[in-house]
Amino acid sequence: FIEHLENKNPALVKTIQTGIKKKTIILVGTTYHCSLASLYSPGLFKE
């Protein structure tokens, strides 16, 4: 999602960046592909 956001909507990226700086948006980590890698491959999950 971030890839597409960066390429197609830079204004929204700026809005999120501003929210993160103002602490109105908390960004949470996840897996890159929103995958079920944790169930199948610890190596892929870490990657």
All heavy atoms as atom14 arrays in JSON, in Angstrom:
{
  "sequence": "FIEHLENKNPALVKTIQTGIKKKTIILVGTTYHCSLASLYSPGLFKE",
  "atom14_mask": [
    [1, 1, 1, 1, 1, 1, 1, 1, 1, 1, 1, 0, 0, 0],
    [1, 1, 1, 1, 1, 1, 1, 1, 0, 0, 0, 0, 0, 0],
    [1, 1, 1, 1, 1, 1, 1, 1, 1, 0, 0, 0, 0, 0],
    [1, 1, 1, 1, 1, 1, 1, 1, 1, 1, 0, 0, 0, 0],
    [1, 1, 1, 1, 1, 1, 1, 1, 0, 0, 0, 0, 0, 0],
    [1, 1, 1, 1, 1, 1, 1, 1, 1, 0, 0, 0, 0, 0],
    [1, 1, 1, 1, 1, 1, 1, 1, 0, 0, 0, 0, 0, 0],
    [1, 1, 1, 1, 1, 1, 1, 1, 1, 0, 0, 0, 0, 0],
    [1, 1, 1, 1, 1, 1, 1, 1, 0, 0, 0, 0, 0, 0],
    [1, 1, 1, 1, 1, 1, 1, 0, 0, 0, 0, 0, 0, 0],
    [1, 1, 1, 1, 1, 0, 0, 0, 0, 0, 0, 0, 0, 0],
    [1, 1, 1, 1, 1, 1, 1, 1, 0, 0, 0, 0, 0, 0],
    [1, 1, 1, 1, 1, 1, 1, 0, 0, 0, 0, 0, 0, 0],
    [1, 1, 1, 1, 1, 1, 1, 1, 1, 0, 0, 0, 0, 0],
    [1, 1, 1, 1, 1, 1, 1, 0, 0, 0, 0, 0, 0, 0],
    [1, 1, 1, 1, 1, 1, 1, 1, 0, 0, 0, 0, 0, 0],
    [1, 1, 1, 1, 1, 1, 1, 1, 1, 0, 0, 0, 0, 0],
    [1, 1, 1, 1, 1, 1, 1, 0, 0, 0, 0, 0, 0, 0],
    [1, 1, 1, 1, 0, 0, 0, 0, 0, 0, 0, 0, 0, 0],
    [1, 1, 1, 1, 1, 1, 1, 1, 0, 0, 0, 0, 0, 0],
    [1, 1, 1, 1, 1, 1, 1, 1, 1, 0, 0, 0, 0, 0],
    [1, 1, 1, 1, 1, 1, 1, 1, 1, 0, 0, 0, 0, 0],
    [1, 1, 1, 1, 1, 1, 1, 1, 1, 0, 0, 0, 0, 0],
    [1, 1, 1, 1, 1, 1, 1, 0, 0, 0, 0, 0, 0, 0],
    [1, 1, 1, 1, 1, 1, 1, 1, 0, 0, 0, 0, 0, 0],
    [1, 1, 1, 1, 1, 1, 1, 1, 0, 0, 0, 0, 0, 0],
    [1, 1, 1, 1, 1, 1, 1, 1, 0, 0, 0, 0, 0, 0],
    [1, 1, 1, 1, 1, 1, 1, 0, 0, 0, 0, 0, 0, 0],
    [1, 1, 1, 1, 0, 0, 0, 0, 0, 0, 0, 0, 0, 0],
    [1, 1, 1, 1, 1, 1, 1, 0, 0, 0, 0, 0, 0, 0],
    [1, 1, 1, 1, 1, 1, 1, 0, 0, 0, 0, 0, 0, 0],
    [1, 1, 1, 1, 1, 1, 1, 1, 1, 1, 1, 1, 0, 0],
    [1, 1, 1, 1, 1, 1, 1, 1, 1, 1, 0, 0, 0, 0],
    [1, 1, 1, 1, 1, 1, 0, 0, 0, 0, 0, 0, 0, 0],
    [1, 1, 1, 1, 1, 1, 0, 0, 0, 0, 0, 0, 0, 0],
    [1, 1, 1, 1, 1, 1, 1, 1, 0, 0, 0, 0, 0, 0],
    [1, 1, 1, 1, 1, 0, 0, 0, 0, 0, 0, 0, 0, 0],
    [1, 1, 1, 1, 1, 1, 0, 0, 0, 0, 0, 0, 0, 0],
    [1, 1, 1, 1, 1, 1, 1, 1, 0, 0, 0, 0, 0, 0],
    [1, 1, 1, 1, 1, 1, 1, 1, 1, 1, 1, 1, 0, 0],
    [1, 1, 1, 1, 1, 1, 0, 0, 0, 0, 0, 0, 0, 0],
    [1, 1, 1, 1, 1, 1, 1, 0, 0, 0, 0, 0, 0, 0],
    [1, 1, 1, 1, 0, 0, 0, 0, 0, 0, 0, 0, 0, 0],
    [1, 1, 1, 1, 1, 1, 1, 1, 0, 0, 0, 0, 0, 0],
    [1, 1, 1, 1, 1, 1, 1, 1, 1, 1, 1, 0, 0, 0],
    [1, 1, 1, 1, 1, 1, 1, 1, 1, 0, 0, 0, 0, 0],
    [1, 1, 1, 1, 1, 1, 1, 1, 1, 0, 0, 0, 0, 0]
  ],
  "atom14_positions": [
    [[0.83, -1.2, 0.0], [0.0, 0.0, 0.0], [0.87, 1.26, 0.0], [0.6, 2.21, -0.73], [-0.94, 0.0, 1.21], [-1.93, 1.12, 1.2], [-3.1, 1.02, 0.45], [-1.71, 2.28, 1.91], [-4.01, 2.07, 0.41], [-2.62, 3.33, 1.88], [-3.77, 3.22, 1.13], [0.0, 0.0, 0.0], [0.0, 0.0, 0.0], [0.0, 0.0, 0.0]],
    [[1.94, 1.24, 0.8], [2.84, 2.41, 0.87], [3.48, 2.66, -0.49], [3.61, 3.81, -0.92], [3.89, 2.23, 1.97], [3.23, 2.2, 3.36], [4.94, 3.34, 1.91], [4.14, 1.78, 4.49], [0.0, 0.0, 0.0], [0.0, 0.0, 0.0], [0.0, 0.0, 0.0], [0.0, 0.0, 0.0], [0.0, 0.0, 0.0], [0.0, 0.0, 0.0]],
    [[3.89, 1.59, -1.19], [4.46, 1.74, -2.54], [3.52, 2.5, -3.46], [3.92, 3.45, -4.13], [4.67, 0.36, -3.18], [5.93, -0.34, -2.87], [5.98, -1.69, -3.6], [5.55, -1.76, -4.78], [6.44, -2.65, -2.99], [0.0, 0.0, 0.0], [0.0, 0.0, 0.0], [0.0, 0.0, 0.0], [0.0, 0.0, 0.0], [0.0, 0.0, 0.0]],
    [[2.26, 2.08, -3.49], [1.28, 2.72, -4.36], [0.98, 4.14, -3.9], [0.82, 5.04, -4.74], [-0.01, 1.89, -4.43], [0.16, 0.62, -5.18], [0.38, 0.57, -6.54], [0.17, -0.66, -4.76], [0.52, -0.68, -6.92], [0.39, -1.46, -5.86], [0.0, 0.0, 0.0], [0.0, 0.0, 0.0], [0.0, 0.0, 0.0], [0.0, 0.0, 0.0]],
    [[0.93, 4.33, -2.61], [0.69, 5.66, -2.05], [1.81, 6.61, -2.48], [1.55, 7.73, -2.95], [0.61, 5.56, -0.53], [0.17, 6.76, 0.27], [-1.24, 7.17, -0.11], [0.22, 6.43, 1.76], [0.0, 0.0, 0.0], [0.0, 0.0, 0.0], [0.0, 0.0, 0.0], [0.0, 0.0, 0.0], [0.0, 0.0, 0.0], [0.0, 0.0, 0.0]],
    [[3.04, 6.16, -2.35], [4.2, 6.98, -2.71], [4.19, 7.35, -4.2], [4.48, 8.49, -4.57], [5.47, 6.22, -2.35], [6.75, 6.96, -2.69], [7.99, 6.15, -2.4], [7.96, 4.9, -2.53], [9.0, 6.77, -2.07], [0.0, 0.0, 0.0], [0.0, 0.0, 0.0], [0.0, 0.0, 0.0], [0.0, 0.0, 0.0], [0.0, 0.0, 0.0]],
    [[3.84, 6.39, -5.05], [3.87, 6.62, -6.49], [2.67, 7.38, -7.03], [2.79, 8.12, -8.0], [3.97, 5.27, -7.23], [5.3, 4.6, -7.01], [6.32, 5.27, -6.87], [5.3, 3.29, -6.94], [0.0, 0.0, 0.0], [0.0, 0.0, 0.0], [0.0, 0.0, 0.0], [0.0, 0.0, 0.0], [0.0, 0.0, 0.0], [0.0, 0.0, 0.0]],
    [[1.51, 7.21, -6.4], [0.28, 7.76, -6.99], [-0.34, 8.92, -6.22], [-1.19, 9.62, -6.75], [-0.76, 6.64, -7.1], [-0.25, 5.42, -7.84], [-1.14, 5.07, -8.96], [-0.61, 3.82, -9.63], [-0.69, 3.89, -11.03], [0.0, 0.0, 0.0], [0.0, 0.0, 0.0], [0.0, 0.0, 0.0], [0.0, 0.0, 0.0], [0.0, 0.0, 0.0]],
    [[0.05, 9.11, -4.94], [-0.59, 10.16, -4.16], [0.41, 10.8, -3.17], [0.27, 10.65, -1.96], [-1.81, 9.61, -3.43], [-2.76, 10.69, -2.98], [-2.34, 11.8, -2.69], [-4.03, 10.37, -2.91], [0.0, 0.0, 0.0], [0.0, 0.0, 0.0], [0.0, 0.0, 0.0], [0.0, 0.0, 0.0], [0.0, 0.0, 0.0], [0.0, 0.0, 0.0]],
    [[1.42, 11.51, -3.69], [2.41, 12.12, -2.81], [1.82, 13.13, -1.82], [2.37, 13.32, -0.73], [3.4, 12.8, -3.76], [2.97, 12.48, -5.14], [1.7, 11.7, -5.1], [0.0, 0.0, 0.0], [0.0, 0.0, 0.0], [0.0, 0.0, 0.0], [0.0, 0.0, 0.0], [0.0, 0.0, 0.0], [0.0, 0.0, 0.0], [0.0, 0.0, 0.0]],
    [[0.71, 13.77, -2.19], [0.08, 14.73, -1.27], [-0.41, 14.01, -0.01], [-0.28, 14.54, 1.1], [-1.07, 15.44, -1.96], [0.0, 0.0, 0.0], [0.0, 0.0, 0.0], [0.0, 0.0, 0.0], [0.0, 0.0, 0.0], [0.0, 0.0, 0.0], [0.0, 0.0, 0.0], [0.0, 0.0, 0.0], [0.0, 0.0, 0.0], [0.0, 0.0, 0.0]],
    [[-0.96, 12.82, -0.18], [-1.44, 12.04, 0.98], [-0.25, 11.57, 1.82], [-0.34, 11.52, 3.05], [-2.31, 10.88, 0.52], [-3.02, 10.07, 1.6], [-3.76, 10.94, 2.6], [-3.97, 9.07, 0.96], [0.0, 0.0, 0.0], [0.0, 0.0, 0.0], [0.0, 0.0, 0.0], [0.0, 0.0, 0.0], [0.0, 0.0, 0.0], [0.0, 0.0, 0.0]],
    [[0.86, 11.24, 1.18], [2.08, 10.89, 1.92], [2.48, 12.06, 2.82], [2.79, 11.87, 4.0], [3.24, 10.52, 0.97], [4.56, 10.41, 1.72], [2.94, 9.22, 0.23], [0.0, 0.0, 0.0], [0.0, 0.0, 0.0], [0.0, 0.0, 0.0], [0.0, 0.0, 0.0], [0.0, 0.0, 0.0], [0.0, 0.0, 0.0], [0.0, 0.0, 0.0]],
    [[2.46, 13.27, 2.26], [2.81, 14.48, 3.05], [1.85, 14.66, 4.23], [2.27, 15.01, 5.32], [2.77, 15.73, 2.15], [3.83, 15.77, 1.11], [5.12, 16.28, 1.67], [6.13, 16.46, 0.54], [7.48, 16.21, 0.96], [0.0, 0.0, 0.0], [0.0, 0.0, 0.0], [0.0, 0.0, 0.0], [0.0, 0.0, 0.0], [0.0, 0.0, 0.0]],
    [[0.56, 14.4, 3.99], [-0.43, 14.52, 5.06], [-0.11, 13.54, 6.19], [-0.17, 13.9, 7.38], [-1.85, 14.24, 4.51], [-2.14, 15.18, 3.48], [-2.9, 14.33, 5.61], [0.0, 0.0, 0.0], [0.0, 0.0, 0.0], [0.0, 0.0, 0.0], [0.0, 0.0, 0.0], [0.0, 0.0, 0.0], [0.0, 0.0, 0.0], [0.0, 0.0, 0.0]],
    [[0.24, 12.31, 5.84], [0.59, 11.31, 6.85], [1.88, 11.7, 7.56], [1.97, 11.59, 8.8], [0.7, 9.91, 6.21], [-0.67, 9.47, 5.68], [1.23, 8.88, 7.22], [-0.64, 8.22, 4.8], [0.0, 0.0, 0.0], [0.0, 0.0, 0.0], [0.0, 0.0, 0.0], [0.0, 0.0, 0.0], [0.0, 0.0, 0.0], [0.0, 0.0, 0.0]],
    [[2.87, 12.18, 6.82], [4.13, 12.62, 7.43], [3.88, 13.72, 8.46], [4.44, 13.69, 9.56], [5.11, 13.13, 6.36], [5.68, 12.06, 5.49], [6.43, 12.62, 4.27], [6.19, 13.75, 3.82], [7.33, 11.81, 3.73], [0.0, 0.0, 0.0], [0.0, 0.0, 0.0], [0.0, 0.0, 0.0], [0.0, 0.0, 0.0], [0.0, 0.0, 0.0]],
    [[3.03, 14.66, 8.1], [2.69, 15.75, 9.02], [1.99, 15.2, 10.27], [2.31, 15.6, 11.4], [1.77, 16.79, 8.32], [2.47, 17.3, 7.19], [1.39, 17.92, 9.26], [0.0, 0.0, 0.0], [0.0, 0.0, 0.0], [0.0, 0.0, 0.0], [0.0, 0.0, 0.0], [0.0, 0.0, 0.0], [0.0, 0.0, 0.0], [0.0, 0.0, 0.0]],
    [[1.06, 14.27, 10.08], [0.36, 13.66, 11.21], [1.31, 12.91, 12.13], [1.16, 12.94, 13.37], [0.0, 0.0, 0.0], [0.0, 0.0, 0.0], [0.0, 0.0, 0.0], [0.0, 0.0, 0.0], [0.0, 0.0, 0.0], [0.0, 0.0, 0.0], [0.0, 0.0, 0.0], [0.0, 0.0, 0.0], [0.0, 0.0, 0.0], [0.0, 0.0, 0.0]],
    [[2.29, 12.24, 11.55], [3.28, 11.51, 12.36], [4.11, 12.5, 13.18], [4.32, 12.29, 14.38], [4.18, 10.62, 11.47], [3.36, 9.47, 10.88], [5.37, 10.09, 12.26], [4.08, 8.69, 9.77], [0.0, 0.0, 0.0], [0.0, 0.0, 0.0], [0.0, 0.0, 0.0], [0.0, 0.0, 0.0], [0.0, 0.0, 0.0], [0.0, 0.0, 0.0]],
    [[4.53, 13.58, 12.55], [5.32, 14.59, 13.26], [4.52, 15.25, 14.38], [5.05, 15.54, 15.45], [5.83, 15.65, 12.28], [6.98, 15.16, 11.44], [7.48, 16.21, 10.49], [8.56, 15.58, 9.62], [8.64, 16.16, 8.29], [0.0, 0.0, 0.0], [0.0, 0.0, 0.0], [0.0, 0.0, 0.0], [0.0, 0.0, 0.0], [0.0, 0.0, 0.0]],
    [[3.23, 15.5, 14.12], [2.37, 16.13, 15.13], [1.87, 15.13, 16.18], [1.18, 15.51, 17.11], [1.16, 16.78, 14.46], [1.49, 18.0, 13.66], [0.21, 18.59, 13.07], [0.45, 19.86, 12.32], [-0.79, 20.39, 11.73], [0.0, 0.0, 0.0], [0.0, 0.0, 0.0], [0.0, 0.0, 0.0], [0.0, 0.0, 0.0], [0.0, 0.0, 0.0]],
    [[2.17, 13.85, 15.95], [1.75, 12.76, 16.85], [0.23, 12.56, 16.86], [-0.33, 12.08, 17.83], [2.29, 12.94, 18.25], [3.82, 12.95, 18.26], [4.38, 12.92, 19.64], [5.86, 13.12, 19.6], [6.7, 12.03, 19.74], [0.0, 0.0, 0.0], [0.0, 0.0, 0.0], [0.0, 0.0, 0.0], [0.0, 0.0, 0.0], [0.0, 0.0, 0.0]],
    [[-0.41, 12.94, 15.76], [-1.85, 12.65, 15.61], [-2.04, 11.33, 14.88], [-3.12, 10.76, 14.9], [-2.58, 13.78, 14.85], [-1.97, 13.96, 13.57], [-2.53, 15.09, 15.64], [0.0, 0.0, 0.0], [0.0, 0.0, 0.0], [0.0, 0.0, 0.0], [0.0, 0.0, 0.0], [0.0, 0.0, 0.0], [0.0, 0.0, 0.0], [0.0, 0.0, 0.0]],
    [[-0.97, 10.87, 14.22], [-0.98, 9.56, 13.55], [0.14, 8.72, 14.12], [1.29, 9.15, 14.18], [-0.81, 9.7, 12.02], [-2.0, 10.43, 11.4], [-0.62, 8.33, 11.37], [-1.86, 10.7, 9.91], [0.0, 0.0, 0.0], [0.0, 0.0, 0.0], [0.0, 0.0, 0.0], [0.0, 0.0, 0.0], [0.0, 0.0, 0.0], [0.0, 0.0, 0.0]],
    [[-0.22, 7.54, 14.56], [0.76, 6.57, 15.03], [0.83, 5.49, 13.95], [-0.19, 4.87, 13.63], [0.35, 5.94, 16.38], [0.23, 7.02, 17.44], [1.34, 4.85, 16.79], [-0.48, 6.56, 18.71], [0.0, 0.0, 0.0], [0.0, 0.0, 0.0], [0.0, 0.0, 0.0], [0.0, 0.0, 0.0], [0.0, 0.0, 0.0], [0.0, 0.0, 0.0]],
    [[2.01, 5.3, 13.39], [2.2, 4.28, 12.36], [2.69, 3.0, 13.03], [3.62, 3.04, 13.83], [3.21, 4.78, 11.33], [3.17, 4.19, 9.95], [1.79, 4.31, 9.32], [4.2, 4.86, 9.06], [0.0, 0.0, 0.0], [0.0, 0.0, 0.0], [0.0, 0.0, 0.0], [0.0, 0.0, 0.0], [0.0, 0.0, 0.0], [0.0, 0.0, 0.0]],
    [[2.04, 1.91, 12.7], [2.36, 0.61, 13.31], [3.01, -0.28, 12.26], [2.59, -0.3, 11.11], [1.06, -0.04, 13.86], [1.31, -1.45, 14.36], [0.49, 0.81, 14.98], [0.0, 0.0, 0.0], [0.0, 0.0, 0.0], [0.0, 0.0, 0.0], [0.0, 0.0, 0.0], [0.0, 0.0, 0.0], [0.0, 0.0, 0.0], [0.0, 0.0, 0.0]],
    [[4.02, -1.04, 12.68], [4.71, -1.95, 11.78], [3.87, -3.19, 11.49], [3.01, -3.58, 12.28], [0.0, 0.0, 0.0], [0.0, 0.0, 0.0], [0.0, 0.0, 0.0], [0.0, 0.0, 0.0], [0.0, 0.0, 0.0], [0.0, 0.0, 0.0], [0.0, 0.0, 0.0], [0.0, 0.0, 0.0], [0.0, 0.0, 0.0], [0.0, 0.0, 0.0]],
    [[4.13, -3.8, 10.36], [3.45, -5.02, 9.95], [4.34, -5.76, 8.97], [5.49, -5.37, 8.76], [2.05, -4.71, 9.36], [1.34, -5.93, 9.17], [2.13, -3.94, 8.07], [0.0, 0.0, 0.0], [0.0, 0.0, 0.0], [0.0, 0.0, 0.0], [0.0, 0.0, 0.0], [0.0, 0.0, 0.0], [0.0, 0.0, 0.0], [0.0, 0.0, 0.0]],
    [[3.84, -6.8, 8.33], [4.61, -7.46, 7.28], [4.4, -6.69, 5.98], [3.37, -6.06, 5.78], [4.16, -8.92, 7.08], [2.77, -8.95, 6.78], [4.46, -9.76, 8.31], [0.0, 0.0, 0.0], [0.0, 0.0, 0.0], [0.0, 0.0, 0.0], [0.0, 0.0, 0.0], [0.0, 0.0, 0.0], [0.0, 0.0, 0.0], [0.0, 0.0, 0.0]],
    [[5.39, -6.73, 5.1], [5.36, -5.95, 3.87], [4.15, -6.29, 3.01], [3.48, -5.41, 2.48], [6.64, -6.2, 3.07], [6.85, -5.19, 1.98], [7.56, -4.03, 2.25], [6.36, -5.38, 0.7], [7.76, -3.08, 1.27], [6.57, -4.44, -0.28], [7.26, -3.29, 0.01], [7.45, -2.34, -0.97], [0.0, 0.0, 0.0], [0.0, 0.0, 0.0]],
    [[3.87, -7.58, 2.86], [2.81, -8.03, 1.96], [1.52, -8.4, 2.69], [0.63, -8.99, 2.09], [3.29, -9.24, 1.15], [4.43, -8.92, 0.25], [4.29, -8.2, -0.91], [5.75, -9.21, 0.34], [5.47, -8.06, -1.5], [6.36, -8.67, -0.76], [0.0, 0.0, 0.0], [0.0, 0.0, 0.0], [0.0, 0.0, 0.0], [0.0, 0.0, 0.0]],
    [[1.44, -8.07, 3.97], [0.25, -8.43, 4.74], [0.01, -9.94, 4.63], [-1.1, -10.4, 4.41], [-0.96, -7.63, 4.25], [-2.05, -7.11, 5.56], [0.0, 0.0, 0.0], [0.0, 0.0, 0.0], [0.0, 0.0, 0.0], [0.0, 0.0, 0.0], [0.0, 0.0, 0.0], [0.0, 0.0, 0.0], [0.0, 0.0, 0.0], [0.0, 0.0, 0.0]],
    [[1.09, -10.69, 4.75], [1.05, -12.13, 4.49], [0.89, -12.95, 5.77], [0.96, -12.43, 6.87], [2.33, -12.57, 3.79], [3.4, -12.61, 4.72], [0.0, 0.0, 0.0], [0.0, 0.0, 0.0], [0.0, 0.0, 0.0], [0.0, 0.0, 0.0], [0.0, 0.0, 0.0], [0.0, 0.0, 0.0], [0.0, 0.0, 0.0], [0.0, 0.0, 0.0]],
    [[0.72, -14.22, 5.58], [0.63, -15.18, 6.69], [1.97, -15.87, 6.91], [2.03, -16.99, 7.4], [-0.47, -16.21, 6.4], [-1.87, -15.64, 6.25], [-2.84, -16.72, 5.8], [-2.35, -15.0, 7.54], [0.0, 0.0, 0.0], [0.0, 0.0, 0.0], [0.0, 0.0, 0.0], [0.0, 0.0, 0.0], [0.0, 0.0, 0.0], [0.0, 0.0, 0.0]],
    [[3.06, -15.19, 6.56], [4.4, -15.78, 6.65], [4.73, -16.27, 8.05], [5.47, -17.24, 8.2], [5.45, -14.77, 6.19], [0.0, 0.0, 0.0], [0.0, 0.0, 0.0], [0.0, 0.0, 0.0], [0.0, 0.0, 0.0], [0.0, 0.0, 0.0], [0.0, 0.0, 0.0], [0.0, 0.0, 0.0], [0.0, 0.0, 0.0], [0.0, 0.0, 0.0]],
    [[4.19, -15.64, 9.08], [4.5, -16.07, 10.45], [4.06, -17.5, 10.71], [4.6, -18.18, 11.58], [3.86, -15.14, 11.48], [2.45, -15.2, 11.42], [0.0, 0.0, 0.0], [0.0, 0.0, 0.0], [0.0, 0.0, 0.0], [0.0, 0.0, 0.0], [0.0, 0.0, 0.0], [0.0, 0.0, 0.0], [0.0, 0.0, 0.0], [0.0, 0.0, 0.0]],
    [[3.09, -17.99, 9.96], [2.6, -19.36, 10.14], [3.48, -20.39, 9.42], [3.46, -21.57, 9.77], [1.17, -19.49, 9.6], [0.1, -18.69, 10.32], [-1.23, -18.83, 9.59], [-0.03, -19.13, 11.76], [0.0, 0.0, 0.0], [0.0, 0.0, 0.0], [0.0, 0.0, 0.0], [0.0, 0.0, 0.0], [0.0, 0.0, 0.0], [0.0, 0.0, 0.0]],
    [[4.23, -19.96, 8.41], [4.91, -20.91, 7.54], [6.43, -20.8, 7.5], [7.1, -21.8, 7.33], [4.37, -20.77, 6.1], [2.89, -21.0, 6.03], [2.01, -19.94, 5.91], [2.36, -22.28, 6.13], [0.63, -20.15, 5.88], [1.0, -22.5, 6.11], [0.14, -21.44, 5.97], [-1.21, -21.64, 5.95], [0.0, 0.0, 0.0], [0.0, 0.0, 0.0]],
    [[6.95, -19.6, 7.59], [8.39, -19.43, 7.39], [8.93, -18.31, 8.26], [8.75, -17.13, 7.94], [8.67, -19.11, 5.92], [10.01, -18.74, 5.75], [0.0, 0.0, 0.0], [0.0, 0.0, 0.0], [0.0, 0.0, 0.0], [0.0, 0.0, 0.0], [0.0, 0.0, 0.0], [0.0, 0.0, 0.0], [0.0, 0.0, 0.0], [0.0, 0.0, 0.0]],
    [[9.61, -18.65, 9.36], [10.2, -17.6, 10.2], [11.15, -16.7, 9.41], [11.18, -15.49, 9.62], [10.95, -18.38, 11.29], [10.27, -19.71, 11.34], [9.82, -19.99, 9.93], [0.0, 0.0, 0.0], [0.0, 0.0, 0.0], [0.0, 0.0, 0.0], [0.0, 0.0, 0.0], [0.0, 0.0, 0.0], [0.0, 0.0, 0.0], [0.0, 0.0, 0.0]],
    [[11.9, -17.27, 8.47], [12.83, -16.47, 7.67], [12.12, -15.45, 6.8], [12.52, -14.28, 6.74], [0.0, 0.0, 0.0], [0.0, 0.0, 0.0], [0.0, 0.0, 0.0], [0.0, 0.0, 0.0], [0.0, 0.0, 0.0], [0.0, 0.0, 0.0], [0.0, 0.0, 0.0], [0.0, 0.0, 0.0], [0.0, 0.0, 0.0], [0.0, 0.0, 0.0]],
    [[11.08, -15.88, 6.12], [10.3, -14.97, 5.27], [9.59, -13.92, 6.13], [9.53, -12.75, 5.76], [9.27, -15.75, 4.44], [8.38, -14.93, 3.52], [9.2, -14.13, 2.52], [7.38, -15.83, 2.8], [0.0, 0.0, 0.0], [0.0, 0.0, 0.0], [0.0, 0.0, 0.0], [0.0, 0.0, 0.0], [0.0, 0.0, 0.0], [0.0, 0.0, 0.0]],
    [[9.09, -14.34, 7.28], [8.42, -13.41, 8.2], [9.39, -12.29, 8.61], [9.06, -11.11, 8.51], [7.92, -14.19, 9.42], [7.15, -13.37, 10.41], [6.0, -12.7, 10.05], [7.57, -13.3, 11.73], [5.27, -11.97, 10.98], [6.84, -12.58, 12.67], [5.7, -11.91, 12.29], [0.0, 0.0, 0.0], [0.0, 0.0, 0.0], [0.0, 0.0, 0.0]],
    [[10.6, -12.66, 9.02], [11.6, -11.67, 9.41], [11.96, -10.75, 8.24], [12.07, -9.54, 8.4], [12.87, -12.35, 9.93], [12.71, -12.94, 11.32], [14.05, -13.34, 11.89], [14.32, -14.79, 11.6], [15.55, -15.28, 12.25], [0.0, 0.0, 0.0], [0.0, 0.0, 0.0], [0.0, 0.0, 0.0], [0.0, 0.0, 0.0], [0.0, 0.0, 0.0]],
    [[12.11, -11.33, 7.05], [12.45, -10.55, 5.87], [11.36, -9.53, 5.55], [11.64, -8.38, 5.22], [12.68, -11.48, 4.67], [13.14, -10.76, 3.42], [14.47, -10.04, 3.57], [15.31, -10.48, 4.38], [14.66, -9.03, 2.87], [0.0, 0.0, 0.0], [0.0, 0.0, 0.0], [0.0, 0.0, 0.0], [0.0, 0.0, 0.0], [0.0, 0.0, 0.0]]
  ]
}
